[in-house]
C-alpha atoms as a PDB file:
ATOM      1  CA  MET A   1     -29.041  97.002  29.928  1.00  0.00           C
ATOM      2  CA  THR A   2     -26.246  97.577  31.914  1.00  0.00           C
ATOM      3  CA  GLU A   3     -23.122  98.449  30.689  1.00  0.00           C
ATOM      4  CA  PRO A   4     -20.449  96.206  31.610  1.00  0.00           C
ATOM      5  CA  GLN A   5     -18.087  97.572  34.043  1.00  0.00           C
ATOM      6  CA  PRO A   6     -13.963  97.154  33.186  1.00  0.00           C
ATOM      7  CA  LYS A   7     -12.062  95.357  35.175  1.00  0.00           C
ATOM      8  CA  ALA A   8      -9.654  97.059  37.931  1.00  0.00           C
ATOM      9  CA  THR A   9      -6.012  96.155  36.844  1.00  0.00           C
ATOM     10  CA  ASP A  10      -3.907  95.185  38.987  1.00  0.00           C
ATOM     11  CA  ASP A  11      -2.048  98.764  39.374  1.00  0.00           C
ATOM     12  CA  GLU A  12      -5.426 100.578  40.191  1.00  0.00           C
ATOM     13  CA  THR A  13      -6.308  97.807  43.181  1.00  0.00           C
ATOM     14  CA  SER A  14      -2.713  97.897  44.226  1.00  0.00           C
ATOM     15  CA  ALA A  15      -2.335 101.990  44.452  1.00  0.00           C
ATOM     16  CA  PRO A  16      -4.617 102.571  47.936  1.00  0.00           C
ATOM     17  CA  GLU A  17      -2.353  99.557  49.156  1.00  0.00           C
ATOM     18  CA  THR A  18       0.651 101.889  48.243  1.00  0.00           C
ATOM     19  CA  GLU A  19      -0.932 105.011  49.830  1.00  0.00           C
ATOM     20  CA  SER A  20      -1.220 103.522  53.125  1.00  0.00           C
ATOM     21  CA  ALA A  21       2.251 102.032  52.722  1.00  0.00           C
ATOM     22  CA  ALA A  22       3.929 104.675  52.375  1.00  0.00           C
ATOM     23  CA  PRO A  23       3.183 106.760  55.838  1.00  0.00           C
ATOM     24  CA  ASP A  24       4.067 103.577  57.570  1.00  0.00           C
ATOM     25  CA  LYS A  25       7.401 103.491  55.645  1.00  0.00           C
ATOM     26  CA  ALA A  26       7.476 107.101  57.002  1.00  0.00           C
ATOM     27  CA  GLY A  27       6.376 106.105  60.121  1.00  0.00           C
ATOM     28  CA  GLU A  28       9.133 103.329  60.453  1.00  0.00           C
ATOM     29  CA  ALA A  29      11.977 105.921  59.514  1.00  0.00           C
ATOM     30  CA  GLN A  30      11.053 108.096  61.840  1.00  0.00           C
ATOM     31  CA  ALA A  31      11.274 105.599  64.625  1.00  0.00           C
ATOM     32  CA  GLU A  32      14.247 104.555  63.208  1.00  0.00           C
ATOM     33  CA  ILE A  33      15.465 108.119  63.642  1.00  0.00           C
ATOM     34  CA  ALA A  34      14.593 108.152  67.183  1.00  0.00           C
ATOM     35  CA  ARG A  35      16.302 105.268  68.159  1.00  0.00           C
ATOM     36  CA  LEU A  36      19.310 106.189  66.258  1.00  0.00           C
ATOM     37  CA  LYS A  37      18.958 109.638  68.220  1.00  0.00           C
ATOM     38  CA  ASP A  38      18.609 107.414  71.684  1.00  0.00           C
ATOM     39  CA  GLN A  39      21.619 105.163  70.921  1.00  0.00           C
ATOM     40  CA  LEU A  40      23.478 108.669  70.103  1.00  0.00           C
ATOM     41  CA  LEU A  41      22.776 110.245  73.024  1.00  0.00           C
ATOM     42  CA  ARG A  42      23.494 107.497  75.331  1.00  0.00           C
ATOM     43  CA  ALA A  43      26.941 107.060  73.654  1.00  0.00           C
ATOM     44  CA  LEU A  44      27.703 110.543  74.528  1.00  0.00           C
ATOM     45  CA  ALA A  45      26.160 110.715  77.794  1.00  0.00           C
ATOM     46  CA  GLU A  46      28.668 108.049  78.664  1.00  0.00           C
ATOM     47  CA  ALA A  47      31.653 108.894  76.962  1.00  0.00           C
ATOM     48  CA  GLU A  48      30.999 111.972  79.134  1.00  0.00           C
ATOM     49  CA  ASN A  49      30.772 109.565  81.934  1.00  0.00           C
ATOM     50  CA  THR A  50      34.517 107.956  80.893  1.00  0.00           C
ATOM     51  CA  ARG A  51      36.123 111.468  80.440  1.00  0.00           C
ATOM     52  CA  ARG A  52      34.454 112.376  83.852  1.00  0.00           C
ATOM     53  CA  ARG A  53      35.846 109.406  85.673  1.00  0.00           C
ATOM     54  CA  ALA A  54      39.303 109.152  84.248  1.00  0.00           C
ATOM     55  CA  GLN A  55      39.783 113.052  85.214  1.00  0.00           C
ATOM     56  CA  LYS A  56      39.103 111.984  88.740  1.00  0.00           C
ATOM     57  CA  GLU A  57      40.924 109.306  88.919  1.00  0.00           C
ATOM     58  CA  ARG A  58      44.296 111.302  87.604  1.00  0.00           C
ATOM     59  CA  ASP A  59      42.791 114.115  89.746  1.00  0.00           C
ATOM     60  CA  ASP A  60      42.674 111.425  93.016  1.00  0.00           C
ATOM     61  CA  THR A  61      46.174 110.070  92.265  1.00  0.00           C
ATOM     62  CA  ALA A  62      47.794 112.977  92.170  1.00  0.00           C
ATOM     63  CA  LYS A  63      45.840 114.501  95.213  1.00  0.00           C
ATOM     64  CA  TYR A  64      46.669 110.880  97.016  1.00  0.00           C
ATOM     65  CA  ALA A  65      50.165 109.800  95.461  1.00  0.00           C
ATOM     66  CA  THR A  66      52.532 111.201  98.804  1.00  0.00           C
ATOM     67  CA  ALA A  67      49.992 108.531 100.886  1.00  0.00           C
ATOM     68  CA  ASN A  68      52.801 105.859 101.046  1.00  0.00           C
ATOM     69  CA  PHE A  69      55.923 108.894 101.163  1.00  0.00           C
ATOM     70  CA  ALA A  70      53.617 110.182 103.831  1.00  0.00           C
ATOM     71  CA  LYS A  71      53.259 107.066 105.966  1.00  0.00           C
ATOM     72  CA  GLU A  72      56.625 106.458 106.086  1.00  0.00           C
ATOM     73  CA  MET A  73      57.504 109.968 106.970  1.00  0.00           C
ATOM     74  CA  LEU A  74      54.999 109.639 109.980  1.00  0.00           C
ATOM     75  CA  SER A  75      57.241 107.263 112.365  1.00  0.00           C
ATOM     76  CA  VAL A  76      59.978 110.110 111.655  1.00  0.00           C
ATOM     77  CA  ALA A  77      57.557 112.782 113.352  1.00  0.00           C
ATOM     78  CA  ASP A  78      56.715 110.122 116.041  1.00  0.00           C
ATOM     79  CA  ASN A  79      60.420 110.028 116.811  1.00  0.00           C
ATOM     80  CA  PHE A  80      60.718 113.318 116.882  1.00  0.00           C
ATOM     81  CA  HIS A  81      57.552 114.141 119.312  1.00  0.00           C
ATOM     82  CA  ARG A  82      59.218 111.290 121.891  1.00  0.00           C
ATOM     83  CA  ALA A  83      62.690 112.612 121.622  1.00  0.00           C
ATOM     84  CA  LEU A  84      60.932 115.756 123.033  1.00  0.00           C
ATOM     85  CA  GLU A  85      59.181 114.140 125.632  1.00  0.00           C
ATOM     86  CA  ALA A  86      62.047 112.094 126.726  1.00  0.00           C
ATOM     87  CA  VAL A  87      64.211 115.604 127.680  1.00  0.00           C
ATOM     88  CA  PRO A  88      63.713 116.728 131.573  1.00  0.00           C
ATOM     89  CA  LYS A  89      61.999 119.557 131.860  1.00  0.00           C
ATOM     90  CA  ASP A  90      64.622 121.113 133.795  1.00  0.00           C
ATOM     91  CA  VAL A  91      67.598 121.121 131.698  1.00  0.00           C
ATOM     92  CA  GLY A  92      69.236 123.719 133.881  1.00  0.00           C
ATOM     93  CA  LYS A  93      72.272 125.847 132.477  1.00  0.00           C
ATOM     94  CA  ASN A  94      73.479 122.810 130.346  1.00  0.00           C
ATOM     95  CA  ASP A  95      73.438 125.245 126.946  1.00  0.00           C
ATOM     96  CA  ALA A  96      74.213 122.509 125.151  1.00  0.00           C
ATOM     97  CA  LEU A  97      71.653 120.171 126.035  1.00  0.00           C
ATOM     98  CA  LYS A  98      69.215 123.679 125.363  1.00  0.00           C
ATOM     99  CA  ASN A  99      70.598 124.078 122.456  1.00  0.00           C
ATOM    100  CA  LEU A 100      69.676 120.359 120.911  1.00  0.00           C
ATOM    101  CA  VAL A 101      66.355 120.228 122.577  1.00  0.00           C
ATOM    102  CA  ALA A 102      65.724 123.666 120.521  1.00  0.00           C
ATOM    103  CA  GLY A 103      67.127 122.401 117.225  1.00  0.00           C
ATOM    104  CA  ILE A 104      64.781 118.914 118.019  1.00  0.00           C
ATOM    105  CA  ASP A 105      61.838 120.675 118.272  1.00  0.00           C
ATOM    106  CA  ALA A 106      62.555 123.363 115.410  1.00  0.00           C
ATOM    107  CA  THR A 107      63.044 120.187 113.100  1.00  0.00           C
ATOM    108  CA  GLU A 108      59.697 118.713 114.472  1.00  0.00           C
ATOM    109  CA  ARG A 109      57.566 121.618 113.943  1.00  0.00           C
ATOM    110  CA  GLN A 110      59.554 122.230 110.290  1.00  0.00           C
ATOM    111  CA  LEU A 111      58.417 118.616 109.236  1.00  0.00           C
ATOM    112  CA  GLN A 112      54.774 118.969 110.552  1.00  0.00           C
ATOM    113  CA  ALA A 113      54.872 122.104 108.420  1.00  0.00           C
ATOM    114  CA  ALA A 114      56.040 120.492 105.112  1.00  0.00           C
ATOM    115  CA  LEU A 115      53.426 117.669 105.910  1.00  0.00           C
ATOM    116  CA  GLU A 116      50.374 120.185 106.257  1.00  0.00           C
ATOM    117  CA  ARG A 117      51.856 121.832 102.545  1.00  0.00           C
ATOM    118  CA  PHE A 118      50.692 118.359 101.020  1.00  0.00           C
ATOM    119  CA  GLY A 119      47.735 117.757 102.950  1.00  0.00           C
ATOM    120  CA  ILE A 120      48.311 115.844 105.613  1.00  0.00           C
ATOM    121  CA  LYS A 121      46.906 116.866 109.114  1.00  0.00           C
ATOM    122  CA  LYS A 122      47.208 115.420 112.524  1.00  0.00           C
ATOM    123  CA  ILE A 123      44.721 113.947 114.508  1.00  0.00           C
ATOM    124  CA  GLU A 124      45.181 115.268 118.361  1.00  0.00           C
ATOM    125  CA  PRO A 125      41.403 113.896 119.355  1.00  0.00           C
ATOM    126  CA  LEU A 126      42.116 114.354 123.222  1.00  0.00           C
ATOM    127  CA  GLY A 127      38.745 115.846 125.292  1.00  0.00           C
ATOM    128  CA  GLN A 128      36.423 114.791 121.936  1.00  0.00           C
ATOM    129  CA  PRO A 129      34.411 112.036 121.201  1.00  0.00           C
ATOM    130  CA  PHE A 130      35.560 108.873 120.294  1.00  0.00           C
ATOM    131  CA  ASP A 131      35.428 107.980 116.840  1.00  0.00           C
ATOM    132  CA  PRO A 132      36.022 104.533 115.599  1.00  0.00           C
ATOM    133  CA  ASN A 133      36.398 106.014 111.572  1.00  0.00           C
ATOM    134  CA  PHE A 134      39.560 108.454 113.140  1.00  0.00           C
ATOM    135  CA  HIS A 135      40.705 106.576 115.975  1.00  0.00           C
ATOM    136  CA  ARG A 136      41.468 103.200 117.669  1.00  0.00           C
ATOM    137  CA  ALA A 137      40.556 102.853 121.148  1.00  0.00           C
ATOM    138  CA  MET A 138      43.635 101.202 123.058  1.00  0.00           C
ATOM    139  CA  MET A 139      42.234 101.022 126.598  1.00  0.00           C
ATOM    140  CA  GLU A 140      39.395 102.206 128.529  1.00  0.00           C
ATOM    141  CA  MET A 141      40.185 104.432 132.024  1.00  0.00           C
ATOM    142  CA  GLU A 142      38.267 105.245 134.840  1.00  0.00           C
ATOM    143  CA  ASP A 143      37.585 109.165 134.035  1.00  0.00           C
ATOM    144  CA  THR A 144      35.219 111.046 136.368  1.00  0.00           C
ATOM    145  CA  ASP A 145      36.198 114.400 134.574  1.00  0.00           C
ATOM    146  CA  GLN A 146      35.051 113.486 131.255  1.00  0.00           C
ATOM    147  CA  PRO A 147      31.863 111.114 130.122  1.00  0.00           C
ATOM    148  CA  PRO A 148      31.908 107.965 128.895  1.00  0.00           C
ATOM    149  CA  GLY A 149      33.606 107.546 125.178  1.00  0.00           C
ATOM    150  CA  THR A 150      35.507 110.347 125.279  1.00  0.00           C
ATOM    151  CA  VAL A 151      38.950 110.635 124.094  1.00  0.00           C
ATOM    152  CA  VAL A 152      40.994 111.055 127.490  1.00  0.00           C
ATOM    153  CA  GLN A 153      44.811 110.557 126.506  1.00  0.00           C
ATOM    154  CA  VAL A 154      46.160 110.458 122.814  1.00  0.00           C
ATOM    155  CA  LEU A 155      49.307 107.413 122.649  1.00  0.00           C
ATOM    156  CA  GLN A 156      49.948 107.877 119.189  1.00  0.00           C
ATOM    157  CA  PRO A 157      48.262 110.783 116.951  1.00  0.00           C
ATOM    158  CA  GLY A 158      46.602 110.417 113.860  1.00  0.00           C
ATOM    159  CA  TYR A 159      46.567 111.352 110.525  1.00  0.00           C
ATOM    160  CA  ILE A 160      44.350 112.356 107.202  1.00  0.00           C
ATOM    161  CA  ILE A 161      45.458 113.084 103.945  1.00  0.00           C
ATOM    162  CA  TYR A 162      43.020 115.743 102.690  1.00  0.00           C
ATOM    163  CA  ASP A 163      39.934 113.818 103.334  1.00  0.00           C
ATOM    164  CA  ARG A 164      41.105 110.423 103.827  1.00  0.00           C
ATOM    165  CA  LEU A 165      42.299 108.526 106.933  1.00  0.00           C
ATOM    166  CA  LEU A 166      46.178 107.955 106.446  1.00  0.00           C
ATOM    167  CA  ARG A 167      46.654 106.434 109.889  1.00  0.00           C
ATOM    168  CA  GLU A 168      43.861 106.065 112.847  1.00  0.00           C
ATOM    169  CA  ALA A 169      45.004 107.656 116.253  1.00  0.00           C
ATOM    170  CA  LEU A 170      45.586 105.558 119.284  1.00  0.00           C
ATOM    171  CA  VAL A 171      43.567 106.474 121.936  1.00  0.00           C
ATOM    172  CA  ALA A 172      42.026 105.697 125.631  1.00  0.00           C
ATOM    173  CA  VAL A 173      38.515 106.422 125.898  1.00  0.00           C
ATOM    174  CA  ALA A 174      36.670 107.093 129.374  1.00  0.00           C
ATOM    175  CA  LYS A 175      35.197 104.194 130.708  1.00  0.00           C
ATOM    176  CA  GLY A 176      31.175 104.263 131.341  1.00  0.00           C
ATOM    177  CA  ALA A 177      29.750 103.831 134.566  1.00  0.00           C
ATOM    178  CA  GLY A 178      28.599 100.090 133.892  1.00  0.00           C
ATOM    179  CA  PRO A 179      24.597  99.361 133.263  1.00  0.00           C
ATOM    180  CA  VAL A 180      22.138 101.027 134.734  1.00  0.00           C
ATOM    181  CA  ALA A 181      19.721  99.004 136.949  1.00  0.00           C
ATOM    182  CA  PRO A 182      15.987  99.299 135.183  1.00  0.00           C
ATOM    183  CA  LYS A 183      13.900 101.247 137.219  1.00  0.00           C
ATOM    184  CA  VAL A 184      10.813  99.615 138.680  1.00  0.00           C
ATOM    185  CA  ASP A 185       7.548 101.731 139.153  1.00  0.00           C
ATOM    186  CA  THR A 186       6.180 100.481 142.313  1.00  0.00           C
ATOM    187  CA  SER A 187       3.249 102.657 142.737  1.00  0.00           C
ATOM    188  CA  ALA A 188       0.972 100.716 140.767  1.00  0.00           C
END
């Protein structure tokens, strides 16, 4: 005869389930830790990016704060230049006129030096290739000495502030020879 086997209690049948549930909960906890760690790293990276953007904006604001003032001062610089160009080359023995011209010249140089101290530089593109990023072509001129697209006359100088355009130069550009007729191969 066989002895009857004792019936398994609920505690005995749930023991294997509890042992398998423990690793599942540990895995879930590890996954939650990894997810939270990823969120933390992303939040820290976002905070650092925000800090860098704010610093760059502060730096740019300080660097380019003078731009509006400088634009207004450019007309003063232009007028000094025009005044010097209007003076006849032979001022003769008129000492008063010579002194006036020397004073205007010194004032123009001082103004240009002050602009340069604040990162504002004059663009004088004479003889350079036309660049639409820094120049505005006001006219084309027939000029056989220069290749087409070369600046042959500066009507008004341009200015940049650090690496940004403050005012484009107004220029005259050498005109091209016109469209070239296509060659026809007659050897065939």
